[in-house]
Amino acid sequence: MSTPREEGFYFPAEWHPHVATWITFPHNDHSWQGDKLAAMYPEYFALIRTISQGELVNIQVNDAALATFIQSQLPIYGIDPQQIRLHIRPTNDAWCRDHGPAFLVHQSSDSRLIVDWEYNAWGGKYPPFGDDNASPKAIAQTVGLRSVSPGIIMEGGSVDFNGAGTVLTSRSCLLNPNRNPHLSQAEIEQYLCDYYGVQQVLWVSDGIVGDDTDGHIDDTVRFVNSNTVIAMVEPQVDDENHAVLAQNLAELKEMRLLNGEPLNIIELPMPDPVVIDDFRAPGSYANFYICNAGVIVPTFDCPQDAFALATLTQLFPDRPVIGLSAKQIIWGQGSFHCLTQQEPQANACV
């Protein structure tokens, strides 16, 4: 059996044009307990509205009653129903970045395929997760694409791509024994290369406080073009995030891309700590989502918001940078990138 990489497939950068965005609508209080689920809906629908202005939004919906609720909310939030597709099937939680399909495109044709990684809710932390684990195959059937199953645990938030052969990830997550304890670092790298179509894996150490994923990269370091990353930093030396982000930054400075060049690193200060009910949530500007309509950046009503938006505006001259409040969503320990999964256009269609 040939691998996707051998067949000429690869995972494109997030700024590659999209056919659609896939999300899984939140419906239980697993991630947002009590009244917090209803409190986050305005931010969630604002995310849907913004994405829908540039592409279709495919929503996995747990049941018909929830579909009726969503349809009732679209006019309230000014969302064009023609841009929304509801797919009723059982779901567990909302984090489509991690349990959703990985869409690959072919280097030179209009072919695409889906990689169906296994998903165990970040090391078995939040059962049940079987319905979410079944999501990639279900979506592959919906869109009529072939799927391949590597048979190991992988989450979309643990990896970030430059579209030119490089993937960034973290040791704290992918080398955690609660994911694939039978695999070495070299073996995991081989899976990444074979099934994401990359040639190079770059590793940072760890993630931020409050991130229950064991250190997903999409809260700390993100590509904004093929050779440039934003790196979250914490200027306050007494903050819990200062040391780990400084370590990540030092590691990034030593890295070299496939062409031998260093990364162009743009440092971005963390927001003020987001503390809700004595819990410090993983607020981070790195959890932005790049869609056709723009770059959607989580904001937290603090002074650093303006600097983050201005910096990202300079880094994305080809599309608007849109700040949306994530003060309620972040209580679920994730934000806009965690909630979304892009479906890229085939190369021949771009």
Protein backbone atom coordinates (compact mmCIF):
# COMPACT_ATOMS: atom_id res chain seq x y z
CA MET A 1 0.00 0.00 0.00
CA SER A 2 1.36 3.42 -0.95
CA THR A 3 1.14 6.35 1.46
CA PRO A 4 -0.56 9.68 0.68
CA ARG A 5 2.86 11.30 0.39
CA GLU A 6 3.99 8.69 -2.14
CA GLU A 7 0.80 9.30 -4.13
CA GLY A 8 1.50 13.05 -4.27
CA PHE A 9 -0.91 14.27 -1.58
CA TYR A 10 -0.14 16.82 1.12
CA PHE A 11 -1.89 18.89 3.79
CA PRO A 12 -1.97 22.48 2.49
CA ALA A 13 -1.39 25.57 4.58
CA GLU A 14 -4.50 27.03 6.17
CA TRP A 15 -4.38 30.08 3.89
CA HIS A 16 -4.90 27.82 0.85
CA PRO A 17 -8.39 28.62 -0.59
CA HIS A 18 -11.23 26.75 1.09
CA VAL A 19 -14.30 25.00 -0.25
CA ALA A 20 -15.83 25.07 3.22
CA THR A 21 -15.22 24.98 6.95
CA TRP A 22 -16.44 22.08 9.08
CA ILE A 23 -17.56 22.53 12.68
CA THR A 24 -19.31 20.33 15.25
CA PHE A 25 -22.06 22.19 17.06
CA PRO A 26 -21.73 22.13 20.88
CA HIS A 27 -24.73 20.60 22.60
CA ASN A 28 -23.76 19.24 26.01
CA ASP A 29 -22.24 20.78 29.12
CA HIS A 30 -19.10 18.67 28.93
CA SER A 31 -16.95 21.60 27.90
CA TRP A 32 -19.20 24.49 28.99
CA GLN A 33 -20.88 23.55 32.24
CA GLY A 34 -24.20 24.90 33.47
CA ASP A 35 -25.20 28.24 31.97
CA LYS A 36 -21.86 28.64 30.21
CA LEU A 37 -23.05 26.75 27.13
CA ALA A 38 -25.80 29.28 26.40
CA ALA A 39 -23.42 32.12 27.27
CA MET A 40 -20.94 31.09 24.58
CA TYR A 41 -23.50 30.76 21.77
CA PRO A 42 -23.37 34.45 20.71
CA GLU A 43 -19.59 34.16 20.19
CA TYR A 44 -20.03 30.84 18.40
CA PHE A 45 -22.63 32.21 16.00
CA ALA A 46 -20.43 35.27 15.38
CA LEU A 47 -17.71 32.82 14.30
CA ILE A 48 -20.14 31.04 11.96
CA ARG A 49 -21.36 34.34 10.50
CA THR A 50 -17.84 35.56 9.77
CA ILE A 51 -16.69 32.32 8.13
CA SER A 52 -19.90 32.08 6.08
CA GLN A 53 -19.15 35.40 4.40
CA GLY A 54 -16.42 33.69 2.37
CA GLU A 55 -17.27 29.98 2.22
CA LEU A 56 -19.80 27.33 3.15
CA VAL A 57 -20.04 26.27 6.78
CA ASN A 58 -20.76 22.57 7.22
CA ILE A 59 -22.12 21.88 10.69
CA GLN A 60 -22.24 18.45 12.27
CA VAL A 61 -25.43 18.43 14.37
CA ASN A 62 -26.22 15.86 17.04
CA ASP A 63 -29.97 15.54 16.36
CA ALA A 64 -32.99 17.07 14.62
CA ALA A 65 -33.96 19.18 17.63
CA LEU A 66 -30.56 20.84 17.63
CA ALA A 67 -30.85 21.43 13.87
CA THR A 68 -34.16 23.23 14.47
CA PHE A 69 -32.50 25.40 17.12
CA ILE A 70 -29.63 26.31 14.80
CA GLN A 71 -32.01 27.22 11.98
CA SER A 72 -33.96 29.47 14.38
CA GLN A 73 -30.79 31.33 15.33
CA LEU A 74 -29.46 32.07 11.83
CA PRO A 75 -31.69 35.12 11.18
CA ILE A 76 -31.08 36.41 14.71
CA TYR A 77 -27.34 36.54 14.04
CA GLY A 78 -27.63 37.73 10.43
CA ILE A 79 -26.35 34.49 8.90
CA ASP A 80 -27.29 33.63 5.30
CA PRO A 81 -28.87 30.14 5.46
CA GLN A 82 -27.68 29.47 1.91
CA GLN A 83 -24.12 29.41 3.32
CA ILE A 84 -24.94 26.79 5.95
CA ARG A 85 -25.20 23.01 5.57
CA LEU A 86 -26.46 20.92 8.50
CA HIS A 87 -25.42 17.27 8.75
CA ILE A 88 -27.33 15.37 11.42
CA ARG A 89 -25.26 12.63 13.03
CA PRO A 90 -24.32 11.77 16.64
CA THR A 91 -21.53 13.88 18.15
CA ASN A 92 -19.83 14.13 21.52
CA ASP A 93 -18.09 17.50 21.75
CA ALA A 94 -17.33 20.61 19.73
CA TRP A 95 -13.60 20.44 18.95
CA CYS A 96 -13.68 19.70 15.24
CA ARG A 97 -10.03 20.67 14.74
CA ASP A 98 -9.07 17.57 16.69
CA HIS A 99 -11.69 15.00 15.76
CA GLY A 100 -12.53 16.23 12.27
CA PRO A 101 -11.04 15.02 9.00
CA ALA A 102 -7.64 16.05 7.67
CA PHE A 103 -8.22 17.04 4.02
CA LEU A 104 -5.24 16.51 1.71
CA VAL A 105 -4.86 17.87 -1.82
CA HIS A 106 -2.85 16.44 -4.69
CA GLN A 107 0.22 18.25 -5.94
CA SER A 108 -0.84 18.39 -9.58
CA SER A 109 -4.43 17.20 -10.02
CA ASP A 110 -7.93 17.87 -8.71
CA SER A 111 -7.77 14.83 -6.42
CA ARG A 112 -8.29 15.13 -2.67
CA LEU A 113 -8.48 12.60 0.14
CA ILE A 114 -9.18 12.46 3.85
CA VAL A 115 -6.88 11.13 6.55
CA ASP A 116 -8.89 9.46 9.28
CA TRP A 117 -6.63 9.63 12.33
CA GLU A 118 -7.79 7.97 15.54
CA TYR A 119 -9.06 10.28 18.29
CA ASN A 120 -9.18 9.55 22.03
CA ALA A 121 -10.19 12.94 23.52
CA TRP A 122 -6.66 14.06 24.42
CA GLY A 123 -5.46 10.89 26.04
CA GLY A 124 -8.83 9.54 27.19
CA LYS A 125 -9.60 12.56 29.38
CA TYR A 126 -13.22 13.06 28.31
CA PRO A 127 -15.17 9.92 27.41
CA PRO A 128 -17.28 9.10 25.55
CA PHE A 129 -15.63 10.11 22.28
CA GLY A 130 -16.62 7.32 19.88
CA ASP A 131 -19.05 9.44 17.86
CA ASP A 132 -16.42 12.12 17.32
CA ASN A 133 -13.84 9.50 16.40
CA ALA A 134 -16.22 8.33 13.67
CA SER A 135 -16.50 11.84 12.23
CA PRO A 136 -13.80 11.70 9.49
CA LYS A 137 -15.23 8.59 7.83
CA ALA A 138 -18.75 10.04 7.97
CA ILE A 139 -17.58 13.29 6.37
CA ALA A 140 -15.61 11.39 3.73
CA GLN A 141 -18.83 9.63 2.75
CA THR A 142 -20.73 12.93 2.72
CA VAL A 143 -18.27 14.65 0.38
CA GLY A 144 -17.49 11.54 -1.67
CA LEU A 145 -13.78 11.34 -0.92
CA ARG A 146 -11.55 8.37 -0.24
CA SER A 147 -10.27 8.09 3.32
CA VAL A 148 -7.13 6.43 4.66
CA SER A 149 -6.64 5.34 8.27
CA PRO A 150 -3.12 5.37 9.73
CA GLY A 151 -4.39 3.72 12.91
CA ILE A 152 -2.70 6.04 15.43
CA ILE A 153 -3.88 8.95 17.60
CA MET A 154 -3.46 12.42 16.09
CA GLU A 155 -5.20 15.75 16.66
CA GLY A 156 -5.40 18.66 14.24
CA GLY A 157 -4.54 21.21 16.92
CA SER A 158 -1.25 19.48 17.61
CA VAL A 159 0.20 20.31 14.18
CA ASP A 160 0.64 23.44 12.06
CA PHE A 161 1.80 23.54 8.43
CA ASN A 162 3.56 25.97 6.12
CA GLY A 163 2.33 24.25 2.95
CA ALA A 164 5.94 23.87 1.79
CA GLY A 165 6.95 20.61 3.44
CA THR A 166 7.22 21.59 7.11
CA VAL A 167 5.03 20.80 10.13
CA LEU A 168 5.40 22.24 13.63
CA THR A 169 4.35 20.28 16.70
CA SER A 170 5.12 19.83 20.42
CA ARG A 171 6.83 17.07 22.37
CA SER A 172 4.46 17.44 25.31
CA CYS A 173 1.54 16.36 23.16
CA LEU A 174 2.67 13.96 20.46
CA LEU A 175 5.24 12.24 22.68
CA ASN A 176 2.83 11.95 25.60
CA PRO A 177 2.31 8.28 26.59
CA ASN A 178 -1.47 8.86 26.66
CA ARG A 179 -1.48 9.10 22.85
CA ASN A 180 0.76 6.51 21.16
CA PRO A 181 2.98 4.94 23.83
CA HIS A 182 4.19 2.25 21.45
CA LEU A 183 5.77 4.77 19.05
CA SER A 184 9.11 6.54 19.26
CA GLN A 185 9.66 10.13 18.16
CA ALA A 186 11.20 8.90 14.91
CA GLU A 187 8.21 6.66 14.23
CA ILE A 188 5.76 9.49 14.87
CA GLU A 189 7.74 11.71 12.53
CA GLN A 190 7.46 9.02 9.85
CA TYR A 191 3.68 8.93 10.24
CA LEU A 192 3.52 12.72 9.95
CA CYS A 193 5.59 12.65 6.77
CA ASP A 194 3.73 9.72 5.22
CA TYR A 195 0.19 10.86 5.96
CA TYR A 196 0.46 14.65 5.90
CA GLY A 197 2.83 14.72 2.94
CA VAL A 198 5.54 16.75 4.70
CA GLN A 199 9.31 16.37 4.63
CA GLN A 200 10.29 17.99 7.91
CA VAL A 201 9.01 17.93 11.51
CA LEU A 202 10.00 20.77 13.87
CA TRP A 203 9.42 20.30 17.61
CA VAL A 204 8.88 22.77 20.45
CA SER A 205 8.66 21.66 24.06
CA ASP A 206 5.33 22.45 25.64
CA GLY A 207 2.06 24.36 25.77
CA ILE A 208 0.39 26.96 27.96
CA VAL A 209 -1.38 26.84 31.31
CA GLY A 210 -5.01 25.72 31.12
CA ASP A 211 -4.56 23.77 27.89
CA ASP A 212 -5.91 20.30 28.64
CA THR A 213 -4.61 18.94 25.32
CA ASP A 214 -1.10 18.53 26.77
CA GLY A 215 0.32 21.41 24.77
CA HIS A 216 -1.24 21.89 21.35
CA ILE A 217 0.84 23.97 18.97
CA ASP A 218 -2.14 26.12 17.93
CA ASP A 219 -1.94 27.98 21.25
CA THR A 220 1.78 28.77 21.02
CA VAL A 221 3.30 28.88 17.50
CA ARG A 222 1.60 29.33 14.11
CA PHE A 223 2.80 29.75 10.54
CA VAL A 224 1.57 32.92 8.83
CA ASN A 225 3.45 32.24 5.59
CA SER A 226 5.93 29.64 4.37
CA ASN A 227 8.87 30.97 6.42
CA THR A 228 7.29 33.13 9.14
CA VAL A 229 5.77 32.13 12.47
CA ILE A 230 4.17 34.05 15.28
CA ALA A 231 5.44 32.87 18.64
CA MET A 232 3.50 33.63 21.80
CA VAL A 233 5.63 35.11 24.58
CA GLU A 234 4.84 36.12 28.16
CA PRO A 235 6.73 39.28 29.20
CA GLN A 236 5.78 38.92 32.88
CA VAL A 237 8.56 36.80 34.34
CA ASP A 238 6.46 35.73 37.34
CA ASP A 239 3.69 34.37 35.09
CA GLU A 240 3.37 30.59 34.80
CA ASN A 241 3.64 30.79 31.01
CA HIS A 242 6.86 32.81 30.90
CA ALA A 243 9.41 30.00 31.16
CA VAL A 244 7.79 27.51 28.79
CA LEU A 245 7.17 30.12 26.09
CA ALA A 246 10.74 31.37 26.46
CA GLN A 247 11.95 27.80 26.00
CA ASN A 248 9.81 27.38 22.88
CA LEU A 249 11.15 30.66 21.50
CA ALA A 250 14.75 29.59 22.08
CA GLU A 251 14.07 26.34 20.23
CA LEU A 252 12.42 28.16 17.33
CA LYS A 253 15.51 30.34 16.92
CA GLU A 254 17.66 27.24 16.39
CA MET A 255 15.39 25.70 13.75
CA ARG A 256 16.09 25.68 10.02
CA LEU A 257 13.64 25.14 7.19
CA LEU A 258 14.19 22.73 4.32
CA ASN A 259 16.14 25.36 2.40
CA GLY A 260 18.48 25.87 5.36
CA GLU A 261 17.06 29.28 6.25
CA PRO A 262 16.03 30.19 9.82
CA LEU A 263 12.44 30.90 10.71
CA ASN A 264 11.30 34.49 10.59
CA ILE A 265 9.90 34.77 14.12
CA ILE A 266 7.40 37.44 15.16
CA GLU A 267 6.89 37.58 18.93
CA LEU A 268 3.33 38.18 20.13
CA PRO A 269 2.62 38.91 23.81
CA MET A 270 0.01 36.81 25.57
CA PRO A 271 -3.26 38.40 26.66
CA ASP A 272 -3.89 39.12 30.30
CA PRO A 273 -4.67 35.90 32.18
CA VAL A 274 -8.24 34.80 31.50
CA VAL A 275 -9.55 33.56 34.85
CA ILE A 276 -13.14 32.36 35.13
CA ASP A 277 -14.47 30.81 38.36
CA ASP A 278 -10.89 30.51 39.65
CA PHE A 279 -9.90 28.56 36.53
CA ARG A 280 -7.20 29.97 34.25
CA ALA A 281 -8.30 29.32 30.69
CA PRO A 282 -5.80 28.98 27.81
CA GLY A 283 -6.38 32.37 26.22
CA SER A 284 -4.01 32.93 23.30
CA TYR A 285 -3.97 34.99 20.12
CA ALA A 286 -2.29 32.08 18.33
CA ASN A 287 -5.64 30.26 18.20
CA PHE A 288 -6.72 32.30 15.15
CA TYR A 289 -8.44 30.71 12.16
CA ILE A 290 -7.54 31.58 8.56
CA CYS A 291 -10.57 31.36 6.26
CA ASN A 292 -11.52 32.84 2.91
CA ALA A 293 -13.22 35.82 4.58
CA GLY A 294 -10.22 36.73 6.70
CA VAL A 295 -8.17 35.84 9.75
CA ILE A 296 -10.45 35.41 12.76
CA VAL A 297 -8.56 36.26 15.95
CA PRO A 298 -9.81 35.61 19.49
CA THR A 299 -9.86 38.69 21.71
CA PHE A 300 -10.15 38.91 25.48
CA ASP A 301 -11.00 42.56 26.29
CA CYS A 302 -7.50 43.51 27.39
CA PRO A 303 -4.88 46.01 26.14
CA GLN A 304 -2.89 43.37 24.23
CA ASP A 305 -5.84 42.76 21.88
CA ALA A 306 -5.07 45.85 19.80
CA PHE A 307 -1.37 44.99 19.43
CA ALA A 308 -2.19 41.42 18.38
CA LEU A 309 -4.68 42.56 15.76
CA ALA A 310 -2.29 45.21 14.41
CA THR A 311 0.58 42.72 14.21
CA LEU A 312 -1.47 40.09 12.42
CA THR A 313 -2.85 42.73 10.05
CA GLN A 314 0.71 43.45 8.92
CA LEU A 315 1.40 39.74 8.50
CA PHE A 316 -1.71 39.04 6.40
CA PRO A 317 -1.78 41.84 3.80
CA ASP A 318 -4.02 39.81 1.47
CA ARG A 319 -7.05 39.42 3.75
CA PRO A 320 -8.76 41.26 6.62
CA VAL A 321 -7.90 40.46 10.22
CA ILE A 322 -11.08 40.22 12.27
CA GLY A 323 -11.09 40.26 16.05
CA LEU A 324 -13.99 38.41 17.71
CA SER A 325 -14.57 38.03 21.41
CA ALA A 326 -13.71 34.60 22.82
CA LYS A 327 -14.22 35.45 26.49
CA GLN A 328 -17.03 32.91 26.87
CA ILE A 329 -15.80 30.28 24.42
CA ILE A 330 -12.38 30.07 26.08
CA TRP A 331 -13.89 28.60 29.25
CA GLY A 332 -14.18 25.36 27.28
CA GLN A 333 -10.34 25.39 27.04
CA GLY A 334 -10.19 26.14 23.31
CA SER A 335 -11.01 28.86 20.83
CA PHE A 336 -11.67 29.53 17.13
CA HIS A 337 -8.95 27.33 15.65
CA CYS A 338 -9.87 24.46 17.95
CA LEU A 339 -13.50 24.65 16.81
CA THR A 340 -12.88 24.62 13.04
CA GLN A 341 -11.45 22.38 10.33
CA GLN A 342 -10.91 23.66 6.79
CA GLU A 343 -11.85 21.81 3.62
CA PRO A 344 -9.35 23.08 1.00
CA GLN A 345 -9.98 23.43 -2.69
CA ALA A 346 -8.19 21.02 -4.98
CA ASN A 347 -5.05 22.53 -6.49
CA ALA A 348 -6.50 22.28 -9.99
CA CYS A 349 -9.45 24.43 -8.86
CA VAL A 350 -7.44 27.24 -7.29
